[in-house]
Amino acid sequence: MAVDPKIRIGGWLLVPLAWLIMTLLTSALVMALYLSALFDPAMRHQLMMQESPVLMSWGLSLLTSTLVWCYSCWVTWIFCKRSRRLPRHYIIWLLITVLLAVKTFAFAPVADSRAVQTLLVALLAAGILVPYFKRSQRVKNTFTAE
């Protein structure tokens, strides 16, 4: 089925695309911060001197950031291709961001106010964008390509 060239990504669809790109850039930055520990000899030595649970937590955080970045790249790709798979995967992506915000709130050594802010932003985005992607005629008309 050919994509109607008249229906473009625009209007309110630019907001979820911006949110996706912002998360993509943020996860790339987080990955760079984790990877910097491997490339700086002093930081690498300090990291390797940590106890096993700390090292495992670091590795798990790096893996999570990498997976989020990869999935965000793919979702961005299918967003720009206007794939019919996008609405379902965008909703899954939003729910993943909420789960990661809950993980940050519960387990990360960050200030509670920062963790709550991250959680509230993720919940607000999911609360607005999930119904939009499920019910919007604009979404149904835009994401029709195979």
Protein backbone atom coordinates (compact mmCIF):
# COMPACT_ATOMS: atom_id res chain seq x y z
CA MET A 1 0.00 0.00 0.00
CA ALA A 2 1.47 3.34 -1.04
CA VAL A 3 1.75 6.18 1.41
CA ASP A 4 -0.34 9.21 0.60
CA PRO A 5 2.24 11.99 0.14
CA LYS A 6 -0.30 14.61 1.25
CA ILE A 7 -0.43 13.26 4.81
CA ARG A 8 2.79 14.30 6.48
CA ILE A 9 4.09 14.28 9.99
CA GLY A 10 3.02 17.65 11.31
CA GLY A 11 0.80 19.44 13.77
CA TRP A 12 0.55 17.80 17.16
CA LEU A 13 2.55 14.79 15.91
CA LEU A 14 5.66 16.95 16.15
CA VAL A 15 5.32 16.90 19.97
CA PRO A 16 5.66 13.10 20.32
CA LEU A 17 8.47 13.14 17.74
CA ALA A 18 10.29 15.82 19.75
CA TRP A 19 9.80 13.80 22.96
CA LEU A 20 11.22 10.75 21.20
CA ILE A 21 14.24 12.64 19.86
CA MET A 22 14.87 14.23 23.26
CA THR A 23 14.89 10.79 24.90
CA LEU A 24 17.15 9.49 22.14
CA LEU A 25 19.65 12.27 22.79
CA THR A 26 19.41 11.87 26.57
CA SER A 27 20.03 8.13 26.42
CA ALA A 28 23.01 8.74 24.10
CA LEU A 29 24.43 11.17 26.65
CA VAL A 30 23.90 8.68 29.48
CA MET A 31 25.63 5.98 27.43
CA ALA A 32 28.54 8.33 26.79
CA LEU A 33 28.85 9.02 30.52
CA TYR A 34 28.89 5.31 31.35
CA LEU A 35 31.34 4.54 28.54
CA SER A 36 33.66 7.36 29.60
CA ALA A 37 34.51 5.26 32.63
CA LEU A 38 35.98 2.64 30.31
CA PHE A 39 38.12 5.05 28.31
CA ASP A 40 39.58 7.09 31.17
CA PRO A 41 42.29 4.99 32.90
CA ALA A 42 41.73 6.56 36.32
CA MET A 43 37.97 6.10 36.16
CA ARG A 44 38.34 2.55 34.81
CA HIS A 45 40.69 1.66 37.68
CA GLN A 46 38.25 3.17 40.21
CA LEU A 47 35.36 1.25 38.62
CA MET A 48 37.20 -2.06 38.67
CA MET A 49 38.07 -1.58 42.34
CA GLN A 50 34.38 -1.50 43.26
CA GLU A 51 32.60 -4.45 44.79
CA SER A 52 30.81 -6.88 42.49
CA PRO A 53 27.25 -5.53 43.10
CA VAL A 54 28.34 -1.99 42.22
CA LEU A 55 30.07 -3.19 39.06
CA MET A 56 27.02 -5.26 38.12
CA SER A 57 24.75 -2.26 38.69
CA TRP A 58 26.99 -0.14 36.45
CA GLY A 59 26.93 -2.79 33.71
CA LEU A 60 23.16 -3.17 33.98
CA SER A 61 22.70 0.59 33.74
CA LEU A 62 24.92 0.72 30.66
CA LEU A 63 23.00 -2.15 29.08
CA THR A 64 19.65 -0.51 29.86
CA SER A 65 20.80 2.81 28.38
CA THR A 66 22.05 1.05 25.26
CA LEU A 67 18.79 -0.86 24.79
CA VAL A 68 16.71 2.29 25.31
CA TRP A 69 18.89 4.12 22.79
CA CYS A 70 18.58 1.32 20.22
CA TYR A 71 14.82 1.01 20.64
CA SER A 72 14.42 4.81 20.53
CA CYS A 73 16.44 4.89 17.28
CA TRP A 74 14.24 2.23 15.75
CA VAL A 75 11.01 3.90 16.90
CA THR A 76 12.28 7.21 15.49
CA TRP A 77 13.02 5.45 12.21
CA ILE A 78 9.55 3.93 11.89
CA PHE A 79 8.04 7.25 13.01
CA CYS A 80 9.74 9.05 10.13
CA LYS A 81 8.81 6.24 7.71
CA ARG A 82 5.19 6.63 8.86
CA SER A 83 4.93 2.90 9.49
CA ARG A 84 1.63 1.43 10.59
CA ARG A 85 3.59 -0.33 13.38
CA LEU A 86 4.48 3.01 14.96
CA PRO A 87 1.41 3.67 17.17
CA ARG A 88 1.77 0.33 18.99
CA HIS A 89 5.55 0.68 19.38
CA TYR A 90 5.32 4.32 20.44
CA ILE A 91 2.92 3.32 23.21
CA ILE A 92 5.28 0.51 24.27
CA TRP A 93 8.15 3.00 24.19
CA LEU A 94 6.20 5.42 26.41
CA LEU A 95 5.44 2.66 28.91
CA ILE A 96 9.14 1.71 28.98
CA THR A 97 10.02 5.32 29.83
CA VAL A 98 7.51 5.19 32.71
CA LEU A 99 9.02 1.91 33.96
CA LEU A 100 12.52 3.40 33.81
CA ALA A 101 11.32 6.47 35.70
CA VAL A 102 9.83 4.19 38.39
CA LYS A 103 13.15 2.32 38.54
CA THR A 104 14.98 5.62 38.93
CA PHE A 105 12.59 6.71 41.66
CA ALA A 106 12.89 3.43 43.57
CA PHE A 107 16.52 2.42 43.13
CA ALA A 108 18.75 5.17 41.76
CA PRO A 109 20.95 7.22 44.08
CA VAL A 110 19.52 10.56 42.93
CA ALA A 111 17.69 13.22 44.87
CA ASP A 112 14.05 12.34 45.50
CA SER A 113 12.86 15.61 44.01
CA ARG A 114 14.70 14.87 40.75
CA ALA A 115 13.37 11.30 40.64
CA VAL A 116 9.81 12.51 41.29
CA GLN A 117 10.16 15.12 38.55
CA THR A 118 11.37 12.45 36.08
CA LEU A 119 8.50 10.15 37.07
CA LEU A 120 5.86 12.88 36.78
CA VAL A 121 7.09 13.97 33.35
CA ALA A 122 7.06 10.36 32.08
CA LEU A 123 3.57 9.79 33.52
CA LEU A 124 2.28 13.04 32.04
CA ALA A 125 3.69 12.21 28.61
CA ALA A 126 2.21 8.71 28.70
CA GLY A 127 -1.10 10.00 30.07
CA ILE A 128 -1.48 12.43 27.18
CA LEU A 129 0.18 10.62 24.29
CA VAL A 130 -1.16 7.07 24.78
CA PRO A 131 -4.81 8.15 24.35
CA TYR A 132 -3.77 10.42 21.47
CA PHE A 133 -2.08 7.55 19.64
CA LYS A 134 -5.00 5.21 20.32
CA ARG A 135 -7.84 7.53 19.27
CA SER A 136 -6.52 10.26 17.00
CA GLN A 137 -7.70 10.23 13.40
CA ARG A 138 -4.53 12.14 12.47
CA VAL A 139 -2.42 9.24 13.80
CA LYS A 140 -4.54 6.71 11.90
CA ASN A 141 -4.24 8.70 8.68
CA THR A 142 -0.51 9.41 9.00
CA PHE A 143 0.89 6.00 9.95
CA THR A 144 -0.26 3.83 7.08
CA ALA A 145 2.98 2.79 5.34
CA GLU A 146 4.26 -0.75 5.53
